[in-house]
Each structure stands twice: as structure tokens, then as C-alpha cells.
Amino acid sequence: RARGMGVSLRLQKRLAASVLKCGKRKIWLDPNEIGDISTANSRNNIRKLVKDGYIIRKPAVVHSRARALRRLEAKRKGRHTGTGKRKGTRDARLPTKTLWIRRQRVLRRLLRKYREAK
């Protein structure tokens, strides 16, 4: 409201944010009731304006994960995983040790199975 002319409602916005327990960006002041709002200089006055609906707490802004989920689906199918997309070394991405352990366990399982089969 500090653009050109008009009254400054900074105090009212700050008080409203405090009363409604949210940030100043979440406060909506009715542009048609600027006269009433500008006279409010206490928390009680602000509470009254909130009750009358002249001051409203705006809803939380939606932060959609749709795009991220769509990309994840593609990655599950193996897209976006070429050489240009990799940051770590091959060993960092899937350690040789892990592969070795996996292989050993498979072989030991097989040996166990063969031993039992005897």
C-alpha cells in the first residue's frame, strides 16, 4: 500500500500475522475495507476484523510433486540414467564389495543346497 498514495497497513498486517499465527505473506486485507482496517491499532481490533472477515489467513500454497513423481516413474523404467547423468564413480554407485558379498552368498547357498541333496 506504500505505492504512491493510500494508507500504510504495515502495522495491521504485522499484528494480524501475530494474531493468526502465520507469516505476513499469508495475510489478506480486504481492499474495500481499508478505512476500517487502518483504524485498527490493537490486537483486539484485529481479532474483531478477522471475525468480520475483513482480514483472512490465505491458504498454504500448493507445492506439487507431480513432476518429480513422473520423473521417478521414468527412472524406474531406466530413463535419465545415461553416462551424462552420473556423478559418482561406478564403485560409489554400486560398490564392488556389495557385488562380491552378493555373489558369495549365492554360491554358499548353492553349496548348502548341494550338501543337503547328498
Protein backbone atom coordinates (compact mmCIF):
# COMPACT_ATOMS: atom_id res chain seq x y z
CA ARG A 1 0.00 0.00 0.00
CA ALA A 2 3.05 2.25 0.13
CA ARG A 3 2.87 2.50 -3.70
CA GLY A 4 2.09 6.12 -4.50
CA MET A 5 -0.86 7.16 -2.37
CA GLY A 6 -3.05 5.37 0.15
CA VAL A 7 -2.53 4.46 3.78
CA SER A 8 0.15 2.12 5.05
CA LEU A 9 -1.27 -1.01 6.67
CA ARG A 10 2.07 -2.44 7.76
CA LEU A 11 1.20 -2.37 11.46
CA GLN A 12 -2.15 -4.05 10.83
CA LYS A 13 -0.55 -6.72 8.67
CA ARG A 14 2.10 -7.40 11.31
CA LEU A 15 -0.46 -7.62 14.11
CA ALA A 16 -2.73 -9.83 12.01
CA ALA A 17 0.17 -12.18 11.28
CA SER A 18 0.86 -12.40 15.00
CA VAL A 19 -2.81 -12.92 15.90
CA LEU A 20 -3.38 -15.55 13.20
CA LYS A 21 -0.01 -17.23 13.95
CA CYS A 22 1.32 -17.10 10.39
CA GLY A 23 3.66 -15.04 8.22
CA LYS A 24 2.82 -11.61 6.77
CA ARG A 25 2.64 -13.06 3.26
CA LYS A 26 -0.33 -15.20 4.34
CA ILE A 27 -2.44 -12.20 5.42
CA TRP A 28 -5.16 -10.84 3.12
CA LEU A 29 -6.59 -7.42 3.91
CA ASP A 30 -9.92 -6.62 2.22
CA PRO A 31 -9.16 -3.78 -0.25
CA ASN A 32 -12.74 -2.49 0.07
CA GLU A 33 -12.47 -2.07 3.85
CA ILE A 34 -9.16 -0.20 4.02
CA GLY A 35 -10.78 2.58 6.05
CA ASP A 36 -11.92 0.21 8.80
CA ILE A 37 -8.67 -1.74 8.76
CA SER A 38 -6.46 1.36 9.00
CA THR A 39 -8.17 2.46 12.24
CA ALA A 40 -7.40 -0.88 13.93
CA ASN A 41 -4.31 -0.36 16.08
CA SER A 42 -4.58 -3.16 18.64
CA ARG A 43 -4.69 -6.96 18.61
CA ASN A 44 -8.27 -6.90 19.86
CA ASN A 45 -9.34 -4.67 16.96
CA ILE A 46 -7.56 -7.02 14.57
CA ARG A 47 -9.36 -10.03 16.10
CA LYS A 48 -12.68 -8.27 15.51
CA LEU A 49 -11.77 -7.64 11.86
CA VAL A 50 -10.81 -11.30 11.46
CA LYS A 51 -14.18 -12.31 12.89
CA ASP A 52 -15.94 -9.95 10.45
CA GLY A 53 -13.94 -11.44 7.55
CA TYR A 54 -12.08 -8.25 6.61
CA ILE A 55 -8.77 -9.94 7.39
CA ILE A 56 -8.24 -13.51 6.19
CA ARG A 57 -5.42 -16.01 6.51
CA LYS A 58 -4.63 -17.17 2.98
CA PRO A 59 -4.37 -20.94 2.39
CA ALA A 60 -1.00 -22.63 2.09
CA VAL A 61 0.47 -22.52 -1.42
CA VAL A 62 0.42 -25.88 -3.18
CA HIS A 63 3.86 -27.36 -3.94
CA SER A 64 3.02 -30.19 -6.29
CA ARG A 65 5.23 -33.27 -6.54
CA ALA A 66 3.57 -34.39 -9.78
CA ARG A 67 6.58 -33.63 -11.98
CA ALA A 68 9.01 -35.25 -9.55
CA LEU A 69 6.86 -38.40 -9.36
CA ARG A 70 6.56 -38.55 -13.15
CA ARG A 71 10.35 -38.36 -13.46
CA LEU A 72 10.74 -41.07 -10.81
CA GLU A 73 8.43 -43.36 -12.83
CA ALA A 74 10.61 -42.79 -15.90
CA LYS A 75 13.77 -43.51 -13.88
CA ARG A 76 12.25 -46.80 -12.72
CA LYS A 77 11.90 -47.69 -16.39
CA GLY A 78 15.59 -46.82 -16.85
CA ARG A 79 15.33 -43.38 -18.44
CA HIS A 80 17.62 -40.45 -17.49
CA THR A 81 20.40 -42.75 -16.26
CA GLY A 82 22.96 -42.43 -19.07
CA THR A 83 26.63 -41.60 -18.60
CA GLY A 84 25.89 -37.87 -18.68
CA LYS A 85 23.58 -38.14 -15.68
CA ARG A 86 26.05 -39.93 -13.38
CA LYS A 87 28.06 -38.05 -10.75
CA GLY A 88 29.68 -40.79 -8.66
CA THR A 89 32.20 -43.40 -9.85
CA ARG A 90 30.93 -46.85 -10.71
CA ASP A 91 32.24 -48.10 -7.37
CA ALA A 92 30.45 -45.33 -5.49
CA ARG A 93 27.14 -46.08 -7.19
CA LEU A 94 27.24 -49.84 -6.56
CA PRO A 95 30.32 -50.95 -4.59
CA THR A 96 32.32 -53.90 -5.86
CA LYS A 97 32.29 -55.23 -2.31
CA THR A 98 28.49 -55.38 -2.29
CA LEU A 99 28.54 -57.29 -5.57
CA TRP A 100 31.18 -59.66 -4.15
CA ILE A 101 29.16 -60.28 -0.98
CA ARG A 102 26.06 -60.95 -3.08
CA ARG A 103 27.94 -63.42 -5.27
CA GLN A 104 29.46 -65.23 -2.28
CA ARG A 105 26.09 -65.60 -0.57
CA VAL A 106 24.54 -67.02 -3.73
CA LEU A 107 27.38 -69.55 -4.11
CA ARG A 108 27.27 -70.54 -0.44
CA ARG A 109 23.52 -71.02 -0.66
CA LEU A 110 24.04 -73.27 -3.68
CA LEU A 111 26.76 -75.28 -1.88
CA ARG A 112 24.48 -75.69 1.13
CA LYS A 113 21.70 -76.92 -1.15
CA TYR A 114 24.03 -79.43 -2.84
CA ARG A 115 25.32 -80.65 0.54
CA GLU A 116 21.77 -81.30 1.72
CA ALA A 117 20.95 -83.07 -1.57
CA LYS A 118 23.69 -85.67 -0.90
